[in-house]
Amino acid sequence: MEGVDLNGKVEAGAVEELGGPTNPMVSPLLTDLYQFTMAYAYWKAGKHLDRAVFDLFFRKNPFGGEYTVFGGLEECIRLIANFKLKDEEISYLRSVMPTCEDGFFDYLREIDCSNVEVYAISEGSVVFPKVPLMRIEGPVAVVQLLETPFVNLVNYASLVTTNAARHRFVAGKSKTLLEFGLRRAQGPDGGISASRYCYMGGFDATSNVAAGKLFGIPLRGTHSHAFVSSFMGLDEITDKALRSQDGSRTCEDFVGLVQSWLHKLQLADSLSGFFGETNQSELAAFISYALALPHNFLALVDTYDVMRSGVPNFCAVALALNDLGYKASGIRLDSGDLAYLSIQARKFFCMVEKEFGAPGFGKMLVTASNDLNEETIDALNKQGHEVDAFGIGTYLVTCYAQAALGCVFKLVEINNQPRIKLSEDITKVSIPRKKRCFRLYGKEGYALVDIMIGEDEIPPKVGERILCRNPFNESKRAYVAPQRVEELLKCYWPGDSHKPREVLPSLSEMRDLCMQHLDQMRPDHMRRLNPTPYKVSVSAKLYDFIHFLWLSEAPVGELL
């Protein structure tokens, strides 16, 4: 790529055009009114050009876990790359801020993000509380206008990516995960975002066609119960011909071929007692679907009775397709005891393979859906099951177990002066000043600790002991001699500083990074129940500075 060096950075001075955010509603007006009122107050006081540094971070991991996956960075960069208030937006602001001076609106008309710098952790990374996901530097009034949209773009993206990663972890690497949440998502944007970030968090495919087109996510889907119940009988099938997979011949009566296979199944000694007469309208639906899509026949088998009708009917159609060189994909279970039914279906498939010498039939794909979530998949694993793929919707995309991540955007420095936000709640005390952040790895390759240091400090080095301190607990400290050191914050938007910047990776590259980072976490940090907290620390020098500034800013009480 022209203007990109061997390290994947856009070279200084190179121009890379970035389109706007995916959702056109993401604009400079997608913010809270108080951002504009503060911008006016900054402008009125002559402070609007003061150079400010803000950290975007979160305070607590979601879902009772001890890790989070960072999402939403690309959308933030696309916003600032195209940040410009239009004339009609200025006119609207005049109408809602009628007492503001004309000069302020002239100022708004001229601003963009050419004087803003953004440093961020790579999207798809595993991240932890208090560590800045993004550091935003620039004129205080402009950066203040970015607060609400940045928090909005990162909050849900990180939450649903984390939810997806947790489902991937509990399902295991060998299972296929399908995101089926569009119809239950919070509106179109929720549906599109969920499909995108669930894929980044480890899902394999989505049912969402629009997301497939926008982001190149693989699509998967079968049919609904309505399709099955819409058929009344075999006489509805008028075109019964099906050409073989290699095109060498045509079966003129595919319906008759399926019926002959169903009869063989009924007479097979090994299958005796499994089923009798199957539902013929269901069989008609399966045959019709196979005639339309012989290369991808996957049937929903629980409309009437899974083992007495759905599975035998599916097998009859699958064996007929096999005669013509096609390979059926499998079945989907959407109700009932999924563990038991998947095991019974697998037994049936294996018996069919043995009885009729159909290679690979016993390995037919079994997909399960029906309001699945992290807990139900974990329960299925403990019971034992034969499910190969999970279709997950409502609990995944709505993040039913936790409504929001709780990202915050805090001023940590202005005009080179560190600032701190104090609170009686220790979790809400911010970590002041511009910082560099590093991840330290141990000899087994697992991440040990994240450490924040002042920008002017010497960074950690491989093999050299460094004291890591809990920022707010004096007794919690430890020396670490890292075997590998990774700097977390990278320049993704240099503004007019002429620094090289990171290339925005593709969605599949973000997904790969997410899977890689999850593999680098110790298993005890990842487990569902009582996970070990991951350590987030500061250097000894930054620790001392935090507490010095804290004492300097906190009012001294007086006893009367």
Protein backbone atom coordinates (compact mmCIF):
# COMPACT_ATOMS: atom_id res chain seq x y z
CA MET A 1 0.00 0.00 0.00
CA GLU A 2 1.46 3.37 -0.97
CA GLY A 3 2.47 5.46 2.04
CA VAL A 4 2.51 2.46 4.42
CA ASP A 5 5.84 1.30 5.87
CA LEU A 6 6.92 -2.26 6.68
CA ASN A 7 5.65 -1.93 10.25
CA GLY A 8 2.09 -1.28 9.13
CA LYS A 9 2.14 2.46 9.82
CA VAL A 10 0.96 5.24 7.54
CA GLU A 11 4.10 7.24 6.88
CA ALA A 12 4.33 10.85 7.97
CA GLY A 13 2.91 13.08 5.27
CA ALA A 14 1.11 10.25 3.48
CA VAL A 15 -2.59 10.80 2.86
CA GLU A 16 -5.08 7.99 3.46
CA GLU A 17 -8.68 8.91 2.82
CA LEU A 18 -11.03 7.53 5.45
CA GLY A 19 -14.75 7.35 4.86
CA GLY A 20 -17.18 8.41 7.55
CA PRO A 21 -18.61 6.19 10.30
CA THR A 22 -20.73 3.19 9.30
CA ASN A 23 -23.86 4.83 10.69
CA PRO A 24 -24.51 8.24 9.05
CA MET A 25 -26.19 9.41 12.27
CA VAL A 26 -22.71 9.55 13.85
CA SER A 27 -21.89 13.23 13.32
CA PRO A 28 -20.63 16.18 15.40
CA LEU A 29 -24.20 16.64 16.66
CA LEU A 30 -24.28 13.13 18.13
CA THR A 31 -23.31 14.49 21.50
CA ASP A 32 -24.82 15.82 24.70
CA LEU A 33 -25.88 19.46 24.83
CA TYR A 34 -23.54 20.16 27.72
CA GLN A 35 -20.55 19.49 25.47
CA PHE A 36 -21.57 22.50 23.37
CA THR A 37 -22.38 24.65 26.41
CA MET A 38 -18.94 23.81 27.87
CA ALA A 39 -17.33 24.57 24.51
CA TYR A 40 -19.03 27.97 24.59
CA ALA A 41 -17.86 28.59 28.14
CA TYR A 42 -14.30 27.61 27.18
CA TRP A 43 -14.50 29.96 24.18
CA LYS A 44 -15.98 32.78 26.26
CA ALA A 45 -13.17 32.41 28.80
CA GLY A 46 -10.50 32.28 26.11
CA LYS A 47 -9.57 28.73 27.11
CA HIS A 48 -10.87 26.89 24.05
CA LEU A 49 -7.38 26.43 22.58
CA ASP A 50 -5.81 25.15 25.81
CA ARG A 51 -4.02 21.85 25.08
CA ALA A 52 -5.84 19.10 26.95
CA VAL A 53 -5.29 15.36 27.42
CA PHE A 54 -8.22 13.07 28.12
CA ASP A 55 -8.23 9.33 28.90
CA LEU A 56 -11.10 7.07 27.83
CA PHE A 57 -11.28 4.02 30.09
CA PHE A 58 -13.69 1.87 32.12
CA ARG A 59 -13.74 1.04 35.80
CA LYS A 60 -15.01 -2.54 36.03
CA ASN A 61 -15.02 -5.60 33.78
CA PRO A 62 -18.48 -6.71 32.62
CA PHE A 63 -20.44 -9.93 33.18
CA GLY A 64 -18.71 -10.71 36.48
CA GLY A 65 -15.52 -11.49 34.57
CA GLU A 66 -11.95 -10.26 34.71
CA TYR A 67 -11.35 -9.16 31.14
CA THR A 68 -12.86 -6.98 28.40
CA VAL A 69 -12.28 -6.82 24.65
CA PHE A 70 -11.83 -3.35 23.15
CA GLY A 71 -14.08 -2.46 20.23
CA GLY A 72 -15.19 0.71 18.46
CA LEU A 73 -11.85 2.37 17.73
CA GLU A 74 -12.21 2.37 13.93
CA GLU A 75 -15.55 4.17 14.14
CA CYS A 76 -14.00 6.82 16.40
CA ILE A 77 -11.17 7.42 13.94
CA ARG A 78 -13.61 7.63 11.04
CA LEU A 79 -15.59 10.25 12.99
CA ILE A 80 -12.63 12.55 13.64
CA ALA A 81 -11.31 12.07 10.10
CA ASN A 82 -14.57 13.61 8.87
CA PHE A 83 -15.39 15.91 11.79
CA LYS A 84 -16.87 19.12 10.40
CA LEU A 85 -20.05 20.96 11.35
CA LYS A 86 -22.30 21.71 8.37
CA ASP A 87 -24.12 25.01 7.88
CA GLU A 88 -27.49 23.47 8.72
CA GLU A 89 -26.01 22.00 11.93
CA ILE A 90 -24.65 25.42 12.90
CA SER A 91 -28.08 26.91 12.26
CA TYR A 92 -29.69 24.33 14.50
CA LEU A 93 -27.20 25.03 17.29
CA ARG A 94 -28.01 28.74 17.03
CA SER A 95 -31.68 27.90 17.58
CA VAL A 96 -31.03 25.86 20.73
CA MET A 97 -28.32 28.19 22.10
CA PRO A 98 -29.89 31.60 21.33
CA THR A 99 -27.94 33.56 23.96
CA CYS A 100 -24.50 32.59 22.62
CA GLU A 101 -22.50 35.19 20.71
CA ASP A 102 -22.17 35.01 16.92
CA GLY A 103 -18.40 34.64 17.21
CA PHE A 104 -18.82 31.26 18.86
CA PHE A 105 -20.73 29.89 15.87
CA ASP A 106 -18.10 31.29 13.54
CA TYR A 107 -15.55 29.36 15.61
CA LEU A 108 -17.61 26.16 15.40
CA ARG A 109 -17.85 26.52 11.63
CA GLU A 110 -14.04 26.41 11.35
CA ILE A 111 -13.13 23.59 13.71
CA ASP A 112 -12.02 20.11 12.68
CA CYS A 113 -9.74 17.48 14.22
CA SER A 114 -6.52 18.42 12.41
CA ASN A 115 -5.09 19.56 15.75
CA VAL A 116 -6.16 16.42 17.64
CA GLU A 117 -4.04 13.35 18.34
CA VAL A 118 -5.43 9.95 19.29
CA TYR A 119 -3.37 7.15 20.84
CA ALA A 120 -5.16 3.88 21.44
CA ILE A 121 -4.83 0.21 22.23
CA SER A 122 -5.35 -1.91 19.10
CA GLU A 123 -8.99 -2.78 18.47
CA GLY A 124 -9.69 -6.42 19.36
CA SER A 125 -7.21 -6.37 22.27
CA VAL A 126 -8.02 -7.74 25.70
CA VAL A 127 -8.10 -4.76 28.07
CA PHE A 128 -8.56 -4.05 31.76
CA PRO A 129 -10.03 -1.39 34.10
CA LYS A 130 -8.27 1.93 34.60
CA VAL A 131 -5.90 1.43 31.65
CA PRO A 132 -6.67 4.06 28.97
CA LEU A 133 -8.22 2.50 25.90
CA MET A 134 -7.66 5.81 24.15
CA ARG A 135 -5.71 8.97 24.93
CA ILE A 136 -7.03 12.02 23.14
CA GLU A 137 -4.96 15.21 22.96
CA GLY A 138 -6.00 18.52 21.46
CA PRO A 139 -7.73 21.87 22.02
CA VAL A 140 -9.93 21.38 25.05
CA ALA A 141 -13.15 22.61 23.42
CA VAL A 142 -12.77 20.30 20.41
CA VAL A 143 -11.81 17.25 22.45
CA GLN A 144 -14.73 17.91 24.77
CA LEU A 145 -17.07 17.66 21.76
CA LEU A 146 -15.64 14.18 21.07
CA GLU A 147 -16.41 12.82 24.54
CA THR A 148 -19.99 11.63 24.08
CA PRO A 149 -19.65 10.10 20.59
CA PHE A 150 -16.41 8.34 21.54
CA VAL A 151 -17.92 6.87 24.69
CA ASN A 152 -21.03 5.89 22.73
CA LEU A 153 -19.01 4.21 19.97
CA VAL A 154 -16.79 2.29 22.40
CA ASN A 155 -19.27 1.29 25.12
CA TYR A 156 -21.57 -1.10 23.26
CA ALA A 157 -18.88 -2.27 20.84
CA SER A 158 -16.62 -3.39 23.68
CA LEU A 159 -19.50 -4.84 25.69
CA VAL A 160 -20.90 -7.04 22.92
CA THR A 161 -17.43 -8.08 21.71
CA THR A 162 -16.65 -9.19 25.26
CA ASN A 163 -19.96 -11.05 25.43
CA ALA A 164 -19.13 -12.82 22.19
CA ALA A 165 -15.63 -13.71 23.43
CA ARG A 166 -17.10 -15.18 26.61
CA HIS A 167 -19.45 -17.34 24.54
CA ARG A 168 -16.51 -18.45 22.40
CA PHE A 169 -14.53 -19.37 25.51
CA VAL A 170 -17.30 -21.47 27.04
CA ALA A 171 -18.19 -23.14 23.74
CA GLY A 172 -14.57 -24.03 22.96
CA LYS A 173 -12.54 -23.55 19.80
CA SER A 174 -13.97 -26.56 17.97
CA LYS A 175 -17.60 -25.40 17.92
CA THR A 176 -19.13 -23.14 15.30
CA LEU A 177 -20.82 -20.02 16.70
CA LEU A 178 -23.55 -18.31 14.69
CA GLU A 179 -24.96 -14.88 15.57
CA PHE A 180 -28.73 -14.92 15.03
CA GLY A 181 -29.67 -11.76 16.95
CA LEU A 182 -30.87 -9.24 14.35
CA ARG A 183 -34.59 -9.56 15.05
CA ARG A 184 -34.08 -9.08 18.81
CA ALA A 185 -31.42 -6.37 18.69
CA GLN A 186 -32.07 -2.79 19.84
CA GLY A 187 -32.93 -1.36 16.45
CA PRO A 188 -31.09 -1.49 13.12
CA ASP A 189 -27.87 0.01 14.44
CA GLY A 190 -27.85 -2.42 17.36
CA GLY A 191 -28.30 -5.30 14.93
CA ILE A 192 -25.55 -4.18 12.55
CA SER A 193 -23.13 -3.39 15.37
CA ALA A 194 -23.84 -6.69 17.11
CA SER A 195 -23.09 -8.71 13.97
CA ARG A 196 -19.84 -6.84 13.41
CA TYR A 197 -18.51 -7.04 16.95
CA CYS A 198 -19.70 -10.59 17.64
CA TYR A 199 -17.65 -11.67 14.65
CA MET A 200 -14.67 -9.77 16.07
CA GLY A 201 -15.23 -11.51 19.41
CA GLY A 202 -14.96 -14.97 17.90
CA PHE A 203 -18.24 -15.86 16.19
CA ASP A 204 -17.96 -17.56 12.83
CA ALA A 205 -20.94 -16.21 10.90
CA THR A 206 -24.13 -14.15 11.09
CA SER A 207 -27.65 -14.37 9.73
CA ASN A 208 -27.60 -10.58 9.11
CA VAL A 209 -27.38 -10.05 5.35
CA ALA A 210 -26.69 -6.30 5.62
CA ALA A 211 -23.78 -6.94 7.99
CA GLY A 212 -22.46 -9.57 5.62
CA LYS A 213 -22.42 -7.03 2.80
CA LEU A 214 -20.96 -4.19 4.89
CA PHE A 215 -18.21 -6.11 6.66
CA GLY A 216 -17.64 -9.31 4.70
CA ILE A 217 -18.88 -11.52 7.53
CA PRO A 218 -19.79 -15.07 6.41
CA LEU A 219 -23.55 -15.64 6.23
CA ARG A 220 -25.46 -18.65 7.52
CA GLY A 221 -29.14 -19.50 7.65
CA THR A 222 -31.65 -22.29 7.17
CA HIS A 223 -35.44 -21.98 7.20
CA SER A 224 -38.12 -21.36 9.82
CA HIS A 225 -40.98 -23.41 11.24
CA ALA A 226 -43.28 -21.35 9.01
CA PHE A 227 -41.65 -22.84 5.92
CA VAL A 228 -42.25 -26.37 7.21
CA SER A 229 -45.84 -25.77 8.31
CA SER A 230 -46.70 -23.97 5.05
CA PHE A 231 -46.73 -27.32 3.23
CA MET A 232 -49.77 -29.60 3.40
CA GLY A 233 -48.53 -32.65 1.48
CA LEU A 234 -46.32 -34.13 -1.21
CA ASP A 235 -48.83 -33.34 -3.95
CA GLU A 236 -47.82 -29.65 -3.69
CA ILE A 237 -44.46 -30.46 -5.25
CA THR A 238 -44.98 -30.03 -8.98
CA ASP A 239 -41.40 -29.94 -10.29
CA LYS A 240 -39.82 -33.15 -9.02
CA ALA A 241 -36.69 -33.20 -11.17
CA LEU A 242 -33.19 -32.63 -9.76
CA ARG A 243 -29.97 -32.61 -11.75
CA SER A 244 -27.02 -34.46 -10.21
CA GLN A 245 -24.22 -32.52 -8.62
CA ASP A 246 -21.82 -33.19 -11.52
CA GLY A 247 -24.49 -32.40 -14.11
CA SER A 248 -24.20 -35.80 -15.77
CA ARG A 249 -27.79 -36.94 -15.20
CA THR A 250 -31.20 -35.84 -13.99
CA CYS A 251 -33.43 -37.58 -11.48
CA GLU A 252 -36.92 -36.98 -12.89
CA ASP A 253 -38.71 -38.03 -9.69
CA PHE A 254 -36.71 -36.85 -6.69
CA VAL A 255 -39.84 -37.19 -4.53
CA GLY A 256 -40.05 -40.88 -5.40
CA LEU A 257 -36.34 -41.32 -4.63
CA VAL A 258 -36.83 -39.77 -1.20
CA GLN A 259 -39.87 -41.95 -0.51
CA SER A 260 -37.91 -45.07 -1.41
CA TRP A 261 -35.19 -44.09 1.04
CA LEU A 262 -37.74 -43.38 3.76
CA HIS A 263 -39.17 -46.87 3.19
CA LYS A 264 -35.68 -48.38 3.51
CA LEU A 265 -35.18 -46.52 6.77
CA GLN A 266 -38.49 -47.84 8.11
CA LEU A 267 -37.50 -51.43 7.24
CA ALA A 268 -33.92 -51.27 8.54
CA ASP A 269 -33.42 -53.66 11.49
CA SER A 270 -30.96 -51.34 13.23
CA LEU A 271 -33.53 -48.51 13.21
CA SER A 272 -36.47 -50.63 14.31
CA GLY A 273 -38.53 -48.96 16.99
CA PHE A 274 -37.14 -45.48 16.39
CA PHE A 275 -40.06 -44.24 14.32
CA GLY A 276 -43.10 -45.28 12.33
CA GLU A 277 -44.99 -43.02 9.97
CA THR A 278 -43.47 -39.56 9.64
CA ASN A 279 -45.26 -36.28 9.01
CA GLN A 280 -45.68 -36.07 5.24
CA SER A 281 -46.19 -32.31 5.10
CA GLU A 282 -42.83 -31.91 6.86
CA LEU A 283 -41.30 -34.30 4.34
CA ALA A 284 -42.75 -32.19 1.51
CA ALA A 285 -41.14 -29.08 3.01
CA PHE A 286 -37.76 -30.78 3.31
CA ILE A 287 -37.92 -32.08 -0.27
CA SER A 288 -38.88 -28.64 -1.59
CA TYR A 289 -36.02 -27.00 0.28
CA ALA A 290 -33.57 -29.60 -1.00
CA LEU A 291 -34.80 -29.15 -4.57
CA ALA A 292 -34.19 -25.41 -4.23
CA LEU A 293 -30.87 -25.63 -2.36
CA PRO A 294 -29.34 -29.08 -2.88
CA HIS A 295 -25.81 -27.82 -2.13
CA ASN A 296 -26.76 -26.49 1.30
CA PHE A 297 -29.56 -28.61 2.72
CA LEU A 298 -29.86 -28.02 6.47
CA ALA A 299 -33.29 -28.78 7.94
CA LEU A 300 -35.10 -27.53 11.02
CA VAL A 301 -36.38 -30.82 12.47
CA ASP A 302 -38.45 -29.89 15.53
CA THR A 303 -41.68 -28.57 13.98
CA TYR A 304 -43.60 -31.75 14.85
CA ASP A 305 -41.44 -34.43 16.49
CA VAL A 306 -37.65 -34.51 16.30
CA MET A 307 -36.92 -38.24 16.51
CA ARG A 308 -40.18 -39.71 15.19
CA SER A 309 -40.47 -37.43 12.19
CA GLY A 310 -37.92 -34.65 11.70
CA VAL A 311 -34.70 -36.67 11.79
CA PRO A 312 -36.00 -39.64 9.72
CA ASN A 313 -37.46 -37.28 7.11
CA PHE A 314 -34.17 -35.39 6.97
CA CYS A 315 -32.20 -38.62 6.55
CA ALA A 316 -34.43 -39.79 3.68
CA VAL A 317 -33.85 -36.51 1.83
CA ALA A 318 -30.12 -36.49 2.67
CA LEU A 319 -29.65 -40.06 1.38
CA ALA A 320 -31.49 -39.18 -1.84
CA LEU A 321 -29.24 -36.15 -2.29
CA ASN A 322 -26.26 -38.42 -1.64
CA ASP A 323 -27.33 -40.61 -4.56
CA LEU A 324 -27.04 -37.55 -6.81
CA GLY A 325 -23.61 -36.53 -5.52
CA TYR A 326 -24.73 -33.87 -3.04
CA LYS A 327 -23.85 -33.77 0.65
CA ALA A 328 -26.48 -32.51 3.08
CA SER A 329 -25.26 -30.06 5.71
CA GLY A 330 -27.20 -31.23 8.77
CA ILE A 331 -30.06 -30.36 11.09
CA ARG A 332 -31.08 -27.57 13.44
CA LEU A 333 -32.75 -28.13 16.82
CA ASP A 334 -34.71 -25.15 18.13
CA SER A 335 -36.57 -26.61 21.11
CA GLY A 336 -36.68 -29.45 23.60
CA ASP A 337 -33.85 -31.10 25.51
CA LEU A 338 -30.97 -30.09 23.27
CA ALA A 339 -28.41 -32.36 24.96
CA TYR A 340 -30.60 -35.49 24.72
CA LEU A 341 -31.94 -34.77 21.24
CA SER A 342 -28.50 -34.03 19.81
CA ILE A 343 -27.17 -37.31 21.20
CA GLN A 344 -30.15 -39.27 19.84
CA ALA A 345 -29.86 -37.62 16.44
CA ARG A 346 -26.13 -38.44 16.33
CA LYS A 347 -26.86 -42.09 17.16
CA PHE A 348 -29.44 -42.18 14.35
CA PHE A 349 -26.97 -40.70 11.85
CA CYS A 350 -24.28 -43.18 12.84
CA MET A 351 -26.68 -46.10 12.46
CA VAL A 352 -27.71 -44.84 9.02
CA GLU A 353 -24.06 -44.61 8.00
CA LYS A 354 -23.42 -48.18 9.15
CA GLU A 355 -26.66 -49.62 7.77
CA PHE A 356 -26.38 -48.11 4.29
CA GLY A 357 -22.65 -47.59 3.90
CA ALA A 358 -22.94 -43.81 3.64
CA PRO A 359 -19.45 -42.43 4.46
CA GLY A 360 -19.48 -39.38 6.72
CA PHE A 361 -23.21 -39.54 7.43
CA GLY A 362 -22.57 -40.01 11.15
CA LYS A 363 -20.73 -36.69 11.23
CA MET A 364 -23.73 -34.73 9.99
CA LEU A 365 -23.75 -31.21 11.47
CA VAL A 366 -26.07 -30.65 14.45
CA THR A 367 -26.91 -27.00 15.12
CA ALA A 368 -28.77 -25.89 18.24
CA SER A 369 -30.60 -22.61 18.85
CA ASN A 370 -33.49 -21.59 21.16
CA ASP A 371 -32.53 -18.69 23.48
CA LEU A 372 -29.04 -19.98 24.18
CA ASN A 373 -26.58 -18.09 26.34
CA GLU A 374 -23.29 -18.57 28.13
CA GLU A 375 -24.91 -20.44 31.01
CA THR A 376 -26.92 -22.86 28.88
CA ILE A 377 -23.89 -23.73 26.74
CA ASP A 378 -21.89 -24.36 29.91
CA ALA A 379 -24.71 -26.58 31.21
CA LEU A 380 -24.82 -28.51 27.92
CA ASN A 381 -21.08 -29.08 28.14
CA LYS A 382 -21.44 -30.50 31.64
CA GLN A 383 -24.33 -32.77 30.59
CA GLY A 384 -22.64 -33.97 27.44
CA HIS A 385 -24.06 -33.30 23.97
CA GLU A 386 -23.48 -33.75 20.25
CA VAL A 387 -24.04 -30.16 19.11
CA ASP A 388 -21.54 -28.90 16.53
CA ALA A 389 -22.82 -25.33 16.14
CA PHE A 390 -24.71 -22.91 18.35
CA GLY A 391 -27.04 -20.25 16.96
CA ILE A 392 -27.23 -17.48 19.58
CA GLY A 393 -29.36 -14.36 19.45
CA THR A 394 -31.22 -12.47 22.16
CA TYR A 395 -28.91 -12.94 25.14
CA LEU A 396 -25.86 -12.24 23.00
CA VAL A 397 -26.77 -9.07 21.11
CA THR A 398 -28.78 -7.41 23.90
CA CYS A 399 -26.02 -8.15 26.43
CA TYR A 400 -28.86 -9.33 28.67
CA ALA A 401 -26.55 -10.02 31.62
CA GLN A 402 -25.24 -6.42 31.73
CA ALA A 403 -26.72 -3.33 30.14
CA ALA A 404 -23.59 -1.19 29.69
CA LEU A 405 -19.83 -1.22 30.14
CA GLY A 406 -19.55 2.19 31.81
CA CYS A 407 -16.74 3.87 29.87
CA VAL A 408 -15.69 7.31 31.10
CA PHE A 409 -13.73 10.19 29.56
CA LYS A 410 -11.58 12.08 32.06
CA LEU A 411 -9.27 15.09 31.83
CA VAL A 412 -5.79 14.07 33.00
CA GLU A 413 -3.70 17.04 31.86
CA ILE A 414 -4.16 20.59 30.56
CA ASN A 415 -1.42 22.92 29.33
CA ASN A 416 1.12 20.34 30.61
CA GLN A 417 -0.39 20.49 34.10
CA PRO A 418 -1.60 17.09 35.43
CA ARG A 419 -5.17 17.00 36.73
CA ILE A 420 -6.95 14.51 38.97
CA LYS A 421 -10.61 13.75 39.66
CA LEU A 422 -11.19 12.88 43.33
CA SER A 423 -14.06 10.98 44.92
CA GLU A 424 -15.01 9.37 48.21
CA ASP A 425 -15.48 6.26 46.07
CA ILE A 426 -11.89 5.13 45.45
CA THR A 427 -12.86 3.42 42.17
CA LYS A 428 -13.78 6.84 40.74
CA VAL A 429 -10.46 8.54 41.43
CA SER A 430 -8.71 9.13 38.10
CA ILE A 431 -5.02 8.52 37.35
CA PRO A 432 -3.53 11.90 36.36
CA ARG A 433 -1.10 13.03 33.65
CA LYS A 434 -0.18 11.81 30.19
CA LYS A 435 0.86 8.16 30.47
CA ARG A 436 2.44 5.34 28.55
CA CYS A 437 1.01 1.87 29.09
CA PHE A 438 2.74 -1.50 28.82
CA ARG A 439 1.79 -5.16 29.11
CA LEU A 440 4.38 -7.37 30.78
CA TYR A 441 4.55 -11.08 29.91
CA GLY A 442 5.99 -13.95 31.95
CA LYS A 443 8.17 -16.89 30.95
CA GLU A 444 5.15 -19.06 30.04
CA GLY A 445 3.97 -16.48 27.52
CA TYR A 446 0.97 -15.34 29.58
CA ALA A 447 0.29 -11.67 30.34
CA LEU A 448 1.22 -10.91 33.97
CA VAL A 449 0.39 -7.26 34.56
CA ASP A 450 -0.40 -3.96 32.80
CA ILE A 451 1.63 -1.01 34.05
CA MET A 452 1.15 2.72 33.50
CA ILE A 453 4.11 5.09 33.71
CA GLY A 454 4.59 8.81 33.24
CA GLU A 455 5.44 9.85 29.69
CA ASP A 456 8.90 11.00 30.76
CA GLU A 457 9.83 7.76 32.55
CA ILE A 458 12.14 5.04 31.25
CA PRO A 459 9.95 2.23 29.84
CA PRO A 460 10.15 -1.35 31.17
CA LYS A 461 12.78 -3.59 29.58
CA VAL A 462 12.91 -7.33 29.04
CA GLY A 463 14.65 -9.09 31.93
CA GLU A 464 14.92 -5.96 34.14
CA ARG A 465 12.99 -5.92 37.42
CA ILE A 466 10.41 -3.18 37.76
CA LEU A 467 8.26 -2.40 40.79
CA CYS A 468 4.57 -2.56 39.96
CA ARG A 469 2.24 -0.85 42.44
CA ASN A 470 -1.52 -0.88 42.83
CA PRO A 471 -2.41 2.80 42.29
CA PHE A 472 -4.60 3.05 45.39
CA ASN A 473 -3.52 0.26 47.77
CA GLU A 474 -0.16 0.87 49.43
CA SER A 475 0.44 -2.76 50.42
CA LYS A 476 -0.19 -4.28 46.98
CA ARG A 477 3.08 -4.22 45.07
CA ALA A 478 5.37 -6.67 43.34
CA TYR A 479 8.55 -6.80 41.30
CA VAL A 480 8.29 -8.15 37.76
CA ALA A 481 11.13 -9.12 35.42
CA PRO A 482 9.21 -9.39 32.13
CA GLN A 483 10.15 -11.84 29.40
CA ARG A 484 8.33 -9.70 26.86
CA VAL A 485 7.17 -6.08 26.94
CA GLU A 486 4.35 -4.74 24.75
CA GLU A 487 3.55 -1.04 24.52
CA LEU A 488 -0.21 -0.69 24.35
CA LEU A 489 -0.98 2.86 23.17
CA LYS A 490 -0.22 3.51 19.50
CA CYS A 491 -0.85 6.57 17.35
CA TYR A 492 -4.01 6.10 15.28
CA TRP A 493 -4.63 9.78 14.51
CA PRO A 494 -1.63 12.15 14.52
CA GLY A 495 -3.49 15.30 13.52
CA ASP A 496 -0.97 17.79 12.16
CA SER A 497 1.88 16.42 14.31
CA HIS A 498 3.33 14.56 11.28
CA LYS A 499 3.83 11.39 13.32
CA PRO A 500 3.39 8.07 11.48
CA ARG A 501 0.13 6.39 12.37
CA GLU A 502 -1.13 2.85 12.58
CA VAL A 503 -3.10 1.45 9.67
CA LEU A 504 -6.65 0.51 10.64
CA PRO A 505 -6.79 -3.29 10.41
CA SER A 506 -9.52 -5.27 8.70
CA LEU A 507 -12.31 -6.86 10.73
CA SER A 508 -10.81 -10.32 10.23
CA GLU A 509 -7.44 -9.03 11.48
CA MET A 510 -9.14 -7.61 14.58
CA ARG A 511 -10.79 -10.99 15.11
CA ASP A 512 -7.44 -12.77 14.83
CA LEU A 513 -5.91 -10.33 17.34
CA CYS A 514 -8.76 -10.95 19.76
CA MET A 515 -8.30 -14.73 19.56
CA GLN A 516 -4.53 -14.32 19.97
CA HIS A 517 -4.91 -12.11 23.06
CA LEU A 518 -7.39 -14.48 24.67
CA ASP A 519 -4.88 -17.31 24.20
CA GLN A 520 -2.25 -15.21 26.00
CA MET A 521 -4.37 -14.90 29.14
CA ARG A 522 -3.92 -17.30 32.04
CA PRO A 523 -6.86 -19.74 32.32
CA ASP A 524 -7.66 -18.61 35.87
CA HIS A 525 -8.27 -15.05 34.58
CA MET A 526 -10.69 -16.44 31.98
CA ARG A 527 -12.85 -18.88 33.93
CA ARG A 528 -16.54 -18.13 34.35
CA LEU A 529 -16.78 -18.58 38.11
CA ASN A 530 -14.52 -16.72 40.54
CA PRO A 531 -11.88 -15.67 38.01
CA THR A 532 -8.57 -14.35 39.32
CA PRO A 533 -8.35 -10.56 38.96
CA TYR A 534 -5.75 -9.38 36.46
CA LYS A 535 -3.26 -6.91 37.92
CA VAL A 536 -3.25 -3.31 36.73
CA SER A 537 -0.46 -1.24 38.21
CA VAL A 538 1.50 1.99 38.05
CA SER A 539 5.22 2.65 38.38
CA ALA A 540 6.62 3.70 41.75
CA LYS A 541 7.20 7.22 40.43
CA LEU A 542 3.63 7.55 39.11
CA TYR A 543 2.29 6.11 42.37
CA ASP A 544 4.09 8.79 44.35
CA PHE A 545 2.87 11.52 42.00
CA ILE A 546 -0.80 10.37 42.19
CA HIS A 547 -0.77 10.63 45.97
CA PHE A 548 1.13 13.91 45.98
CA LEU A 549 -1.45 15.47 43.65
CA TRP A 550 -4.30 13.88 45.60
CA LEU A 551 -3.11 15.54 48.82
CA SER A 552 -2.49 18.82 47.01
CA GLU A 553 -6.03 18.97 45.58
CA ALA A 554 -8.05 17.53 48.46
CA PRO A 555 -9.37 20.18 50.89
CA VAL A 556 -8.06 19.90 54.45
CA GLY A 557 -10.84 19.37 56.94
CA GLU A 558 -11.26 21.37 60.13
CA LEU A 559 -12.63 20.04 63.38
CA LEU A 560 -14.69 22.43 65.46
